[in-house]
C-alpha cells in the first residue's frame, strides 16, 4: 500500500479519559450550557486541550443534541369572561392529563358551551394533536352548529396553524387567554375540576376504553340530570328547554 512501517503501526498516545470525565462532570453541573461555554471554562481552568479535540469528544459523547427553541407567542389581549345569553355564542376548550394504573399517560380534550355549561365533547386518547382537535370540532359542529368564538389557552395544539386555518375558514373567532392566566378560561377550568374529582381521581383505570366508558356515562348525567349551582340548581338541558319554552310563549318579545 506504499505505507512506511512506522505509519502502518502508529497508535495514538492521547488519553481521552480525563477529557471525557471533565466534559461529563461539566454537563452534569450545567446541563443547559453548550460546547463553547464548556470550552472556555476548561481553558480558564488551565487545561491546554484545543477546541478540535474537545469537540471530537463532545460529539462522540452525543452531547451535541439539538435544543428545542420555545415558540414565541404574540401579545394576548385580555378578554373578560362574558355572561352569554345564547347557545353557540362562545365555547371553551382545554386539555387535561392523567395516567392509567400501568403508568401509561393519556390526555383529555374537553369542549364546553359557556351559556348553559353543557359539555359538548370529551375526547380521550394517548395523543391528541391539532388535527385531532379539528376533527372533534367538526363532529360537534355537525350536530350542534358553529359557535361565534372559542376560548382556549396557549397550548401547542391551540396555537397550531391547522386550528387557526379551520376557525378562519368557518368564520369562528379563536380567542387565546393570556399566558399563565387560567382564570380567564374559568368555565372549562371549573368543568375540569368536576371531571377530575368525579372520574379521574375516583377510579383506578387500567385501559383507555374504561376511561371513555366512564366519561360517556358521566357526561350524560352531567348534561341531563346533575344540578348546577351556577344554573340555580338546573341541569344544562333543563336550562335550554326552559329557554325554548319561554321563547315559544313570547315569540315577539325581543327580551324573551
Protein backbone atom coordinates (compact mmCIF):
# COMPACT_ATOMS: atom_id res chain seq x y z
CA UNK A 1 0.00 0.00 0.00
CA UNK A 2 3.13 2.21 -0.24
CA UNK A 3 2.99 2.98 3.53
CA UNK A 4 6.03 3.02 5.77
CA UNK A 5 6.11 0.52 8.60
CA UNK A 6 6.14 3.34 11.18
CA UNK A 7 2.91 4.81 9.81
CA UNK A 8 1.17 1.45 9.48
CA UNK A 9 1.81 0.54 13.13
CA UNK A 10 1.04 4.05 14.50
CA UNK A 11 -1.09 4.17 17.66
CA UNK A 12 -2.34 7.38 19.23
CA UNK A 13 -0.78 8.17 22.59
CA UNK A 14 -3.58 10.58 23.62
CA UNK A 15 -5.52 9.64 26.73
CA UNK A 16 -9.09 10.91 26.38
CA UNK A 17 -10.38 9.51 29.68
CA UNK A 18 -9.52 12.71 31.57
CA UNK A 19 -11.21 14.88 28.93
CA UNK A 20 -14.31 12.65 28.91
CA UNK A 21 -14.57 12.80 32.68
CA UNK A 22 -14.21 16.58 32.63
CA UNK A 23 -16.91 17.11 29.97
CA UNK A 24 -19.35 14.76 31.68
CA UNK A 25 -18.81 16.48 35.01
CA UNK A 26 -19.48 19.90 33.48
CA UNK A 27 -22.58 18.61 31.68
CA UNK A 28 -23.97 17.24 34.96
CA UNK A 29 -23.40 20.53 36.79
CA UNK A 30 -24.57 22.84 33.99
CA UNK A 31 -26.83 20.86 31.59
CA UNK A 32 -28.04 23.96 29.71
CA UNK A 33 -24.58 25.14 28.60
CA UNK A 34 -23.28 24.28 25.14
CA UNK A 35 -19.88 23.37 23.76
CA UNK A 36 -18.25 26.79 23.58
CA UNK A 37 -19.07 27.70 27.17
CA UNK A 38 -17.60 24.37 28.27
CA UNK A 39 -14.50 25.01 26.14
CA UNK A 40 -13.84 28.45 27.61
CA UNK A 41 -14.42 27.21 31.16
CA UNK A 42 -11.89 24.39 30.58
CA UNK A 43 -9.31 26.84 29.18
CA UNK A 44 -9.83 29.18 32.15
CA UNK A 45 -9.05 26.27 34.46
CA UNK A 46 -5.63 25.94 32.81
CA UNK A 47 -6.14 22.91 30.57
CA UNK A 48 -4.45 23.21 27.16
CA UNK A 49 -6.78 20.89 25.21
CA UNK A 50 -7.62 22.55 21.90
CA UNK A 51 -11.16 23.02 20.63
CA UNK A 52 -10.83 20.36 17.89
CA UNK A 53 -10.04 17.63 20.36
CA UNK A 54 -12.72 18.76 22.78
CA UNK A 55 -15.34 18.97 20.03
CA UNK A 56 -14.46 15.48 18.73
CA UNK A 57 -15.01 14.00 22.19
CA UNK A 58 -18.07 16.21 22.73
CA UNK A 59 -19.73 14.71 19.62
CA UNK A 60 -18.61 11.17 20.49
CA UNK A 61 -20.41 11.51 23.83
CA UNK A 62 -23.51 12.70 21.89
CA UNK A 63 -23.71 15.94 23.83
CA UNK A 64 -24.46 17.92 20.68
CA UNK A 65 -28.24 17.38 20.91
CA UNK A 66 -30.33 19.99 19.18
CA UNK A 67 -32.33 22.02 21.62
CA UNK A 68 -35.97 22.88 21.06
CA UNK A 69 -36.50 26.60 20.95
CA UNK A 70 -39.55 27.88 22.77
CA UNK A 71 -42.14 29.21 20.37
CA UNK A 72 -42.72 32.89 20.96
CA UNK A 73 -46.35 33.92 21.38
CA UNK A 74 -47.87 37.14 20.12
CA UNK A 75 -49.20 39.56 22.69
CA UNK A 76 -52.53 38.31 24.06
CA UNK A 77 -55.36 40.75 24.71
CA UNK A 78 -57.35 40.37 27.92
CA UNK A 79 -60.94 39.37 27.07
CA UNK A 80 -63.05 39.35 30.26
CA UNK A 81 -65.45 36.47 30.76
CA UNK A 82 -68.84 37.45 29.43
CA UNK A 83 -72.26 36.34 30.58
CA UNK A 84 -73.57 34.60 27.47
CA UNK A 85 -77.33 34.58 26.77
CA UNK A 86 -77.41 32.31 23.71
CA UNK A 87 -76.29 28.85 22.71
CA UNK A 88 -73.25 28.66 20.40
CA UNK A 89 -72.10 32.19 21.16
CA UNK A 90 -68.98 31.09 22.99
CA UNK A 91 -67.34 27.72 23.59
CA UNK A 92 -64.36 26.90 25.81
CA UNK A 93 -61.75 24.19 25.22
CA UNK A 94 -58.98 22.80 27.39
CA UNK A 95 -56.78 19.74 27.89
CA UNK A 96 -56.29 17.53 30.94
CA UNK A 97 -53.68 14.83 31.60
CA UNK A 98 -53.68 11.68 33.71
CA UNK A 99 -52.25 8.15 33.74
CA UNK A 100 -53.53 4.58 33.79
CA UNK A 101 -52.57 2.14 36.54
CA UNK A 102 -49.91 0.83 34.15
CA UNK A 103 -48.24 4.24 34.13
CA UNK A 104 -49.23 5.00 30.55
CA UNK A 105 -50.28 8.62 30.21
CA UNK A 106 -53.35 9.87 28.37
CA UNK A 107 -54.93 13.21 27.56
CA UNK A 108 -58.49 14.53 27.70
CA UNK A 109 -59.93 17.27 25.47
CA UNK A 110 -63.00 19.00 26.92
CA UNK A 111 -65.32 21.32 24.99
CA UNK A 112 -67.99 23.28 26.88
CA UNK A 113 -70.71 25.75 25.84
CA UNK A 114 -70.31 28.84 28.04
CA UNK A 115 -74.04 29.62 28.03
CA UNK A 116 -75.50 26.57 29.76
CA UNK A 117 -72.22 24.85 30.79
CA UNK A 118 -73.17 21.88 28.60
CA UNK A 119 -70.23 19.62 27.79
CA UNK A 120 -70.17 19.12 24.03
CA UNK A 121 -67.32 16.63 23.78
CA UNK A 122 -64.87 14.68 25.92
CA UNK A 123 -62.18 13.21 23.68
CA UNK A 124 -59.72 10.79 25.31
CA UNK A 125 -56.57 9.24 23.86
CA UNK A 126 -52.85 8.86 24.44
CA UNK A 127 -52.18 11.56 21.83
CA UNK A 128 -54.43 14.42 20.70
CA UNK A 129 -52.63 16.52 18.05
CA UNK A 130 -54.06 19.62 16.40
CA UNK A 131 -55.56 17.64 13.51
CA UNK A 132 -57.48 15.51 16.01
CA UNK A 133 -58.78 18.66 17.73
CA UNK A 134 -60.05 19.94 14.38
CA UNK A 135 -61.74 16.61 13.67
CA UNK A 136 -63.53 16.65 17.04
CA UNK A 137 -64.71 20.21 16.41
CA UNK A 138 -66.07 19.23 13.00
CA UNK A 139 -68.01 16.37 14.60
CA UNK A 140 -69.53 18.70 17.22
CA UNK A 141 -70.38 21.38 14.66
CA UNK A 142 -72.16 18.77 12.52
CA UNK A 143 -74.88 18.27 15.17
CA UNK A 144 -74.58 21.44 17.25
CA UNK A 145 -73.84 24.21 14.77
CA UNK A 146 -70.96 26.67 14.69
CA UNK A 147 -70.03 28.90 17.62
CA UNK A 148 -69.15 32.54 17.15
CA UNK A 149 -65.95 32.20 19.16
CA UNK A 150 -63.88 29.61 21.01
CA UNK A 151 -61.79 30.45 24.06
CA UNK A 152 -58.55 28.47 24.54
CA UNK A 153 -55.19 28.70 26.27
CA UNK A 154 -51.78 28.77 24.55
CA UNK A 155 -51.07 25.04 24.31
CA UNK A 156 -49.28 23.82 21.17
CA UNK A 157 -52.47 22.30 19.73
CA UNK A 158 -54.38 25.58 20.19
CA UNK A 159 -51.76 27.82 18.57
CA UNK A 160 -51.28 25.46 15.63
CA UNK A 161 -51.78 26.58 12.06
CA UNK A 162 -54.27 23.75 11.47
CA UNK A 163 -56.71 25.02 14.12
CA UNK A 164 -56.30 28.67 13.15
CA UNK A 165 -56.99 27.94 9.48
CA UNK A 166 -60.05 25.84 10.36
CA UNK A 167 -61.51 28.61 12.53
CA UNK A 168 -60.79 31.21 9.86
CA UNK A 169 -62.44 29.14 7.13
CA UNK A 170 -65.53 28.65 9.31
CA UNK A 171 -65.81 32.27 10.46
CA UNK A 172 -65.08 31.41 14.10
CA UNK A 173 -63.08 33.77 16.31
CA UNK A 174 -60.31 31.95 18.19
CA UNK A 175 -59.60 33.76 21.45
CA UNK A 176 -56.42 32.93 23.35
CA UNK A 177 -56.15 33.78 27.02
CA UNK A 178 -53.05 35.48 28.38
CA UNK A 179 -50.23 33.05 29.32
CA UNK A 180 -50.31 31.98 32.94
CA UNK A 181 -53.90 33.21 33.46
CA UNK A 182 -56.11 30.07 33.52
CA UNK A 183 -58.82 32.04 35.35
CA UNK A 184 -59.55 33.75 32.03
CA UNK A 185 -60.85 30.37 30.83
CA UNK A 186 -62.81 29.80 34.03
CA UNK A 187 -65.83 27.98 32.59
CA UNK A 188 -63.90 24.99 31.28
CA UNK A 189 -61.42 25.10 34.18
CA UNK A 190 -64.36 24.72 36.58
CA UNK A 191 -65.60 21.80 34.49
CA UNK A 192 -62.12 20.21 34.56
CA UNK A 193 -62.18 20.24 38.34
CA UNK A 194 -65.50 18.38 38.45
CA UNK A 195 -64.40 15.82 35.86
CA UNK A 196 -61.12 15.12 37.66
CA UNK A 197 -62.82 14.79 41.04
CA UNK A 198 -65.71 12.60 39.86
CA UNK A 199 -63.92 10.42 37.27
CA UNK A 200 -60.14 10.61 37.05
CA UNK A 201 -59.49 10.70 40.81
CA UNK A 202 -62.39 8.45 41.75
CA UNK A 203 -61.35 5.29 39.87
CA UNK A 204 -58.29 3.17 39.24
CA UNK A 205 -58.33 2.73 35.46
CA UNK A 206 -56.41 0.07 33.54
CA UNK A 207 -57.35 0.82 29.90
CA UNK A 208 -58.28 3.79 27.73
CA UNK A 209 -61.64 2.26 26.84
CA UNK A 210 -62.56 2.25 30.54
CA UNK A 211 -61.90 5.98 30.76
CA UNK A 212 -64.03 6.59 27.68
CA UNK A 213 -66.90 4.50 29.06
CA UNK A 214 -66.83 6.30 32.41
CA UNK A 215 -66.61 9.68 30.68
CA UNK A 216 -69.62 8.97 28.42
CA UNK A 217 -71.74 7.85 31.36
CA UNK A 218 -70.69 10.82 33.48
CA UNK A 219 -71.28 13.31 30.61
CA UNK A 220 -74.84 12.07 30.11
CA UNK A 221 -75.61 12.63 33.80
CA UNK A 222 -73.76 15.97 33.86
CA UNK A 223 -75.76 17.39 30.96
CA UNK A 224 -79.20 15.98 31.75
CA UNK A 225 -79.56 15.39 35.48
CA UNK A 226 -76.84 16.93 37.62
CA UNK A 227 -77.91 20.18 39.37
CA UNK A 228 -75.53 23.11 38.74
CA UNK A 229 -75.07 25.87 41.28
CA UNK A 230 -74.36 28.39 38.50
CA UNK A 231 -77.69 27.45 36.87
CA UNK A 232 -79.77 27.75 40.06
CA UNK A 233 -79.93 24.01 40.58
CA UNK A 234 -80.86 23.16 37.00
CA UNK A 235 -79.02 20.92 34.57
CA UNK A 236 -77.70 22.33 31.26
CA UNK A 237 -80.50 20.65 29.29
CA UNK A 238 -83.13 21.94 31.76
CA UNK A 239 -81.91 25.49 31.16
CA UNK A 240 -82.02 25.06 27.39
CA UNK A 241 -85.52 23.55 27.40
CA UNK A 242 -86.76 26.30 29.72
CA UNK A 243 -85.40 28.96 27.36
CA UNK A 244 -87.14 27.36 24.37
CA UNK A 245 -90.44 27.26 26.24
CA UNK A 246 -90.21 30.94 27.13
CA UNK A 247 -89.46 31.89 23.53
CA UNK A 248 -92.32 29.81 22.18
CA UNK A 249 -94.68 31.53 24.65
CA UNK A 250 -93.45 35.05 23.82
CA UNK A 251 -92.19 34.82 20.20
CA UNK A 252 -92.43 38.56 19.52
CA UNK A 253 -90.81 39.76 22.75
CA UNK A 254 -87.16 40.64 21.99
CA UNK A 255 -86.26 40.32 25.68
CA UNK A 256 -87.68 36.79 26.00
